[in-house]
């Protein structure tokens, strides 16, 4: 028998909304909730090759659990916590076990906005046209050798946890080998992450650049020659924001697209500025 023991779902606390508390191990079958229950909490459970596809969860919580080769295609999460700090009661700030999703598929999965990712690790997972957007609570999440396809919007990835390092047992989040070549990145921020260790979009319109601050200084004179004050203001603000963000977040490197030049700029001006920005600072200096 597995160290996790037999899979044993239980009813939640009396007086609370119906919730399953699932412990133990489940393999090679379809996951189903009992009638009248739409929320589940996995407490140190292990699930291998389990089919969650198309399931709608009012609540889905994982605490120190493992999910291996599970299929979440088409699943809907109204509320989702992928690496919770505790099981009942108040968390004392210590002993935060990690949940792991390994070789799992999230194809057209509908993630709730502002998911609490918590202490969770994704290994070789596929996020294929999932509704992965508006995710800012990712401070402790790790991603290794994952593949992202489709639009990824308004999400932060962190190379360093911002707090609770003692409880996590680490001061770095593992973030390496991830493939974004099939993704459209829209307002995606990488914080203290080695971008050279990822596969980033090689499509026209993206460039992985260093010395962002120098490039901004070199291209500002070009902006100052534009006749429209509104365009100068938009580009100036966007470039300064890009430089500050690159210095603060990623050692003065960034994945840059024409939209970073100023979303309100006419497309022709964005492209002109982006091409100048891509060249070396000496190339873009006046004269």
Protein backbone atom coordinates (compact mmCIF):
# COMPACT_ATOMS: atom_id res chain seq x y z
CA UNK A 1 0.00 0.00 0.00
CA UNK A 2 1.17 3.56 -0.73
CA UNK A 3 2.56 5.68 2.08
CA UNK A 4 -0.45 7.90 1.51
CA UNK A 5 -2.81 5.10 2.48
CA UNK A 6 -6.26 4.46 1.06
CA UNK A 7 -8.10 7.35 -0.56
CA UNK A 8 -10.69 8.42 2.00
CA UNK A 9 -12.89 11.44 1.23
CA UNK A 10 -14.76 12.82 4.21
CA UNK A 11 -17.41 15.45 4.84
CA UNK A 12 -16.25 18.89 5.91
CA UNK A 13 -16.95 20.51 9.28
CA UNK A 14 -20.57 20.56 10.33
CA UNK A 15 -22.31 23.82 9.58
CA UNK A 16 -19.96 24.72 6.73
CA UNK A 17 -20.87 24.52 3.03
CA UNK A 18 -20.60 20.92 1.74
CA UNK A 19 -16.93 20.11 1.08
CA UNK A 20 -15.00 16.90 0.63
CA UNK A 21 -11.73 16.48 2.49
CA UNK A 22 -9.75 13.94 0.50
CA UNK A 23 -6.78 12.04 1.89
CA UNK A 24 -4.84 9.03 0.66
CA UNK A 25 -4.11 7.85 -2.89
CA UNK A 26 -6.28 7.61 -5.99
CA UNK A 27 -5.13 6.16 -9.33
CA UNK A 28 -6.27 5.58 -12.88
CA UNK A 29 -9.89 6.68 -12.71
CA UNK A 30 -12.33 9.50 -13.15
CA UNK A 31 -12.69 11.87 -10.22
CA UNK A 32 -16.26 12.46 -9.16
CA UNK A 33 -17.88 14.53 -6.44
CA UNK A 34 -20.92 13.23 -4.57
CA UNK A 35 -24.31 14.74 -5.25
CA UNK A 36 -24.73 18.17 -3.70
CA UNK A 37 -20.99 18.72 -3.18
CA UNK A 38 -18.93 21.01 -5.43
CA UNK A 39 -15.89 21.75 -3.25
CA UNK A 40 -12.95 19.55 -2.31
CA UNK A 41 -9.84 19.95 -0.19
CA UNK A 42 -6.94 17.56 -0.81
CA UNK A 43 -4.97 17.05 2.41
CA UNK A 44 -1.66 15.27 1.80
CA UNK A 45 -3.31 13.22 -0.92
CA UNK A 46 -1.70 11.65 -3.97
CA UNK A 47 -3.55 11.38 -7.27
CA UNK A 48 -2.02 9.62 -10.27
CA UNK A 49 -3.53 9.55 -13.77
CA UNK A 50 -6.85 10.90 -12.50
CA UNK A 51 -9.31 12.50 -14.91
CA UNK A 52 -10.73 15.83 -13.69
CA UNK A 53 -11.69 17.01 -17.18
CA UNK A 54 -14.84 19.09 -17.48
CA UNK A 55 -15.46 19.14 -13.73
CA UNK A 56 -16.74 22.37 -12.21
CA UNK A 57 -15.42 23.14 -8.74
CA UNK A 58 -16.91 25.79 -6.51
CA UNK A 59 -13.79 25.29 -4.41
CA UNK A 60 -10.54 23.37 -4.95
CA UNK A 61 -7.80 23.41 -2.32
CA UNK A 62 -4.57 21.44 -2.11
CA UNK A 63 -2.45 21.08 1.04
CA UNK A 64 0.79 19.13 0.76
CA UNK A 65 -0.64 16.99 -2.04
CA UNK A 66 0.69 15.46 -5.27
CA UNK A 67 -1.03 15.33 -8.65
CA UNK A 68 0.77 13.30 -11.30
CA UNK A 69 -0.34 12.87 -14.93
CA UNK A 70 -3.78 14.27 -14.12
CA UNK A 71 -6.03 15.82 -16.76
CA UNK A 72 -7.73 19.11 -15.88
CA UNK A 73 -8.85 19.88 -19.44
CA UNK A 74 -12.00 21.97 -19.51
CA UNK A 75 -12.23 22.06 -15.71
CA UNK A 76 -13.65 25.20 -14.11
CA UNK A 77 -12.37 26.57 -10.81
CA UNK A 78 -14.55 29.22 -9.21
CA UNK A 79 -12.24 29.34 -6.20
CA UNK A 80 -8.79 27.79 -6.25
CA UNK A 81 -5.92 27.49 -3.81
CA UNK A 82 -3.12 25.26 -5.09
CA UNK A 83 -0.76 25.26 -2.11
CA UNK A 84 -2.62 26.17 1.06
CA UNK A 85 -0.78 27.00 4.27
CA UNK A 86 -2.95 25.01 6.66
CA UNK A 87 -5.80 22.57 7.15
CA UNK A 88 -8.27 24.17 9.52
CA UNK A 89 -7.41 26.58 12.29
CA UNK A 90 -4.99 29.47 12.11
CA UNK A 91 -1.60 29.10 10.43
CA UNK A 92 1.29 29.74 12.82
CA UNK A 93 3.73 30.72 10.04
CA UNK A 94 5.71 27.46 10.11
CA UNK A 95 5.56 24.10 8.34
CA UNK A 96 4.20 25.03 4.93
CA UNK A 97 4.16 21.77 2.87
CA UNK A 98 4.43 22.02 -0.88
CA UNK A 99 1.83 20.71 -3.32
CA UNK A 100 3.18 19.35 -6.62
CA UNK A 101 1.53 19.07 -10.03
CA UNK A 102 3.68 16.86 -12.27
CA UNK A 103 2.99 16.09 -15.96
CA UNK A 104 -0.54 17.47 -15.63
CA UNK A 105 -2.59 18.95 -18.46
CA UNK A 106 -4.52 22.21 -18.14
CA UNK A 107 -6.12 22.52 -21.58
CA UNK A 108 -8.79 25.25 -21.86
CA UNK A 109 -9.01 25.17 -18.10
CA UNK A 110 -10.84 28.09 -16.53
CA UNK A 111 -8.78 29.34 -13.61
CA UNK A 112 -10.47 31.69 -11.19
CA UNK A 113 -9.01 35.21 -11.26
CA UNK A 114 -6.51 35.93 -8.51
CA UNK A 115 -5.82 32.31 -7.62
CA UNK A 116 -3.85 31.83 -4.40
CA UNK A 117 -1.07 29.65 -5.79
CA UNK A 118 0.76 29.33 -2.48
CA UNK A 119 3.57 26.83 -2.04
CA UNK A 120 3.02 24.88 -5.24
CA UNK A 121 5.40 23.39 -7.81
CA UNK A 122 4.53 22.62 -11.44
CA UNK A 123 6.80 20.18 -13.29
CA UNK A 124 6.39 19.47 -17.02
CA UNK A 125 2.80 20.70 -16.98
CA UNK A 126 0.96 21.92 -20.07
CA UNK A 127 -1.07 25.14 -19.92
CA UNK A 128 -2.78 25.08 -23.30
CA UNK A 129 -5.14 28.00 -24.00
CA UNK A 130 -6.14 28.04 -20.36
CA UNK A 131 -7.79 31.08 -18.89
CA UNK A 132 -4.57 31.96 -17.10
CA UNK A 133 -4.95 35.68 -16.41
CA UNK A 134 -5.10 38.23 -13.63
CA UNK A 135 -2.82 36.09 -11.46
CA UNK A 136 -0.77 38.10 -9.02
CA UNK A 137 -0.70 35.81 -5.95
CA UNK A 138 2.10 33.65 -7.34
CA UNK A 139 4.86 34.67 -4.93
CA UNK A 140 5.74 31.11 -3.84
CA UNK A 141 4.92 29.18 -7.04
CA UNK A 142 7.61 27.21 -8.89
CA UNK A 143 7.50 26.29 -12.59
CA UNK A 144 9.96 23.82 -14.15
CA UNK A 145 9.91 22.63 -17.79
CA UNK A 146 6.28 23.70 -18.28
CA UNK A 147 4.74 24.64 -21.64
CA UNK A 148 2.46 27.64 -22.11
CA UNK A 149 0.28 28.08 -25.19
CA UNK A 150 -2.25 30.76 -26.07
CA UNK A 151 -2.81 34.04 -24.30
CA UNK A 152 -1.19 34.54 -20.90
CA UNK A 153 -2.39 37.83 -19.47
CA UNK A 154 -1.68 39.89 -16.36
CA UNK A 155 0.40 37.37 -14.44
CA UNK A 156 3.52 37.62 -12.30
CA UNK A 157 6.24 35.00 -12.05
CA UNK A 158 8.67 35.27 -9.13
CA UNK A 159 12.18 33.92 -8.79
CA UNK A 160 12.26 34.85 -5.12
CA UNK A 161 9.46 34.34 -2.61
CA UNK A 162 8.59 37.68 -1.09
CA UNK A 163 8.05 36.31 2.43
CA UNK A 164 7.83 33.12 4.54
CA UNK A 165 11.25 31.81 3.42
CA UNK A 166 11.69 29.92 6.70
CA UNK A 167 8.36 28.13 6.35
CA UNK A 168 9.05 27.36 2.69
CA UNK A 169 12.58 26.14 3.40
CA UNK A 170 14.02 28.15 0.48
CA UNK A 171 14.82 31.70 -0.56
CA UNK A 172 14.54 31.02 -4.29
CA UNK A 173 11.72 29.68 -6.43
CA UNK A 174 12.77 27.17 -9.06
CA UNK A 175 11.85 28.67 -12.45
CA UNK A 176 13.69 27.16 -15.38
CA UNK A 177 13.23 25.40 -18.72
CA UNK A 178 9.74 26.79 -19.33
CA UNK A 179 8.55 27.09 -22.92
CA UNK A 180 6.61 30.23 -23.85
CA UNK A 181 7.24 30.02 -27.60
CA UNK A 182 3.60 29.24 -28.31
CA UNK A 183 2.24 31.86 -25.92
CA UNK A 184 1.07 35.42 -26.39
CA UNK A 185 2.39 37.31 -23.38
CA UNK A 186 0.31 40.32 -22.38
CA UNK A 187 1.39 42.24 -19.28
CA UNK A 188 3.45 39.30 -18.02
CA UNK A 189 6.12 40.20 -15.46
CA UNK A 190 9.17 38.10 -14.59
CA UNK A 191 10.65 39.02 -11.20
CA UNK A 192 14.27 38.01 -10.54
CA UNK A 193 14.10 35.18 -13.05
CA UNK A 194 16.87 34.13 -15.43
CA UNK A 195 15.15 34.75 -18.76
CA UNK A 196 18.01 33.05 -20.60
CA UNK A 197 16.96 29.80 -18.89
CA UNK A 198 13.48 29.93 -20.49
CA UNK A 199 12.28 29.43 -24.06
CA UNK A 200 10.68 32.76 -24.84
CA UNK A 201 8.58 33.75 -27.87
CA UNK A 202 10.72 33.89 -30.98
CA UNK A 203 7.91 35.45 -32.96
CA UNK A 204 8.30 38.87 -34.57
CA UNK A 205 7.54 41.52 -32.02
CA UNK A 206 9.41 40.10 -29.02
CA UNK A 207 13.03 40.66 -28.06
CA UNK A 208 15.00 39.57 -25.00
CA UNK A 209 17.24 42.55 -24.29
CA UNK A 210 19.80 43.57 -21.71
CA UNK A 211 21.00 47.07 -20.68
CA UNK A 212 17.44 48.35 -20.71
CA UNK A 213 18.37 51.58 -18.91
CA UNK A 214 21.04 52.41 -21.48
CA UNK A 215 18.65 51.70 -24.33
CA UNK A 216 16.02 54.00 -22.83
CA UNK A 217 18.53 56.84 -22.50
CA UNK A 218 19.63 56.29 -26.11
CA UNK A 219 16.12 56.33 -27.57
CA UNK A 220 14.64 59.24 -25.64
CA UNK A 221 16.24 61.81 -28.02
CA UNK A 222 14.32 60.16 -30.87
CA UNK A 223 11.08 60.59 -28.93
CA UNK A 224 11.82 64.22 -28.19
CA UNK A 225 11.88 64.98 -31.90
CA UNK A 226 8.29 63.82 -32.41
CA UNK A 227 5.95 66.76 -33.13
CA UNK A 228 2.93 65.52 -31.11
CA UNK A 229 3.26 66.23 -27.37
CA UNK A 230 0.80 63.45 -26.50
CA UNK A 231 2.96 60.89 -28.27
CA UNK A 232 6.11 62.18 -26.58
CA UNK A 233 4.46 61.95 -23.17
CA UNK A 234 3.12 58.42 -23.76
CA UNK A 235 6.45 57.08 -25.02
CA UNK A 236 8.48 58.84 -22.35
CA UNK A 237 6.35 57.47 -19.54
CA UNK A 238 6.37 53.94 -21.01
CA UNK A 239 10.14 53.88 -21.50
CA UNK A 240 10.86 55.17 -18.01
CA UNK A 241 8.47 52.58 -16.57
CA UNK A 242 10.19 49.84 -18.58
CA UNK A 243 13.64 50.92 -17.32
CA UNK A 244 12.52 51.10 -13.68
CA UNK A 245 10.82 47.71 -13.88
CA UNK A 246 13.82 46.03 -15.53
CA UNK A 247 16.23 47.37 -12.92
CA UNK A 248 13.99 46.48 -10.00
CA UNK A 249 12.84 43.09 -11.20
CA UNK A 250 15.39 41.48 -13.47
CA UNK A 251 18.91 42.92 -13.35
CA UNK A 252 18.23 45.38 -16.18
CA UNK A 253 17.05 42.76 -18.67
CA UNK A 254 13.54 42.30 -20.03
CA UNK A 255 11.43 40.64 -22.68
CA UNK A 256 10.29 43.62 -24.73
CA UNK A 257 7.57 44.05 -27.35
CA UNK A 258 6.35 47.11 -29.29
CA UNK A 259 3.50 47.49 -26.80
CA UNK A 260 6.09 48.32 -24.13
CA UNK A 261 6.93 51.44 -26.11
CA UNK A 262 3.46 52.84 -25.37
CA UNK A 263 0.11 51.16 -25.84
CA UNK A 264 -1.59 54.38 -26.89
CA UNK A 265 0.95 55.21 -29.58
CA UNK A 266 0.02 54.78 -33.25
CA UNK A 267 1.31 51.39 -34.46
CA UNK A 268 3.79 52.99 -36.89
CA UNK A 269 5.41 55.01 -34.10
CA UNK A 270 5.52 51.98 -31.79
CA UNK A 271 7.34 49.95 -34.44
CA UNK A 272 9.76 52.78 -35.21
CA UNK A 273 10.65 53.19 -31.55
CA UNK A 274 10.87 49.44 -30.97
CA UNK A 275 13.31 48.95 -33.83
CA UNK A 276 15.46 51.80 -32.50
CA UNK A 277 15.28 50.32 -29.02
CA UNK A 278 16.49 46.92 -30.23
CA UNK A 279 19.67 48.38 -31.70
CA UNK A 280 22.68 49.02 -29.54
CA UNK A 281 22.77 52.27 -27.57
CA UNK A 282 25.56 53.60 -29.78
CA UNK A 283 23.46 52.90 -32.87
CA UNK A 284 20.48 54.82 -31.52
CA UNK A 285 22.36 57.80 -30.17
CA UNK A 286 21.79 61.15 -31.98
CA UNK A 287 23.95 61.49 -35.05
